């Protein structure tokens, strides 16, 4: 069983399948930060959206979570 784990771990470390998805997510996050920082009015809109998401999550977690 130890040999199987070592083989699996080696394959896992060599796997690059999800790398491009992570790169795209990082680029999207950087663009979002730049928009919030430099475009007036976006900051309050983003806060509003995240506030709504937080309210929904809080309500659904308390309802039966």
Protein backbone atom coordinates (compact mmCIF):
# COMPACT_ATOMS: atom_id res chain seq x y z
CA UNK A 1 0.00 0.00 0.00
CA UNK A 2 2.87 2.37 0.70
CA UNK A 3 4.18 1.91 -2.85
CA UNK A 4 0.75 2.71 -4.30
CA UNK A 5 0.61 5.91 -2.27
CA UNK A 6 4.05 6.96 -3.46
CA UNK A 7 3.03 6.34 -7.07
CA UNK A 8 -0.20 8.29 -6.61
CA UNK A 9 1.63 11.16 -4.89
CA UNK A 10 4.21 11.35 -7.68
CA UNK A 11 1.50 11.45 -10.33
CA UNK A 12 -0.40 14.07 -8.34
CA UNK A 13 2.65 16.34 -8.14
CA UNK A 14 3.34 16.01 -11.88
CA UNK A 15 -0.29 16.69 -12.88
CA UNK A 16 -0.63 20.11 -14.51
CA UNK A 17 -4.23 19.82 -15.66
CA UNK A 18 -5.68 22.47 -13.33
CA UNK A 19 -2.81 24.93 -13.66
CA UNK A 20 -4.36 27.01 -16.43
CA UNK A 21 -7.63 27.33 -14.52
CA UNK A 22 -5.76 28.66 -11.51
CA UNK A 23 -3.86 31.10 -13.72
CA UNK A 24 -7.11 32.43 -15.21
CA UNK A 25 -8.59 32.83 -11.74
CA UNK A 26 -5.54 34.81 -10.59
CA UNK A 27 -5.76 37.09 -13.63
CA UNK A 28 -9.48 37.66 -13.01
CA UNK A 29 -8.77 38.47 -9.37
CA UNK A 30 -6.09 41.00 -10.33
CA UNK A 31 -8.42 42.67 -12.82
CA UNK A 32 -11.15 42.84 -10.18
CA UNK A 33 -8.77 44.42 -7.66
CA UNK A 34 -7.65 46.98 -10.25
CA UNK A 35 -11.25 47.85 -11.11
CA UNK A 36 -12.23 48.28 -7.48
CA UNK A 37 -9.15 50.39 -6.76
CA UNK A 38 -9.20 52.69 -9.79
CA UNK A 39 -12.75 52.97 -11.14
CA UNK A 40 -15.01 55.24 -9.08
CA UNK A 41 -18.37 53.76 -8.13
CA UNK A 42 -17.29 50.15 -8.56
CA UNK A 43 -16.17 49.84 -4.96
CA UNK A 44 -19.62 50.56 -3.55
CA UNK A 45 -21.25 48.24 -6.10
CA UNK A 46 -18.90 45.41 -5.17
CA UNK A 47 -19.54 45.98 -1.47
CA UNK A 48 -23.27 45.89 -2.13
CA UNK A 49 -23.03 42.62 -4.06
CA UNK A 50 -20.90 40.96 -1.38
CA UNK A 51 -23.27 42.26 1.29
CA UNK A 52 -26.20 40.64 -0.50
CA UNK A 53 -24.28 37.37 -0.83
CA UNK A 54 -23.40 37.46 2.86
CA UNK A 55 -27.06 38.06 3.77
CA UNK A 56 -28.22 35.12 1.66
CA UNK A 57 -25.56 32.81 3.08
CA UNK A 58 -26.33 33.87 6.63
CA UNK A 59 -30.07 33.39 6.11
CA UNK A 60 -29.69 29.99 4.44
CA UNK A 61 -27.22 28.79 7.08
CA UNK A 62 -29.64 29.75 9.86
CA UNK A 63 -32.64 28.22 8.08
CA UNK A 64 -31.51 24.65 8.25
CA UNK A 65 -27.89 24.63 7.25
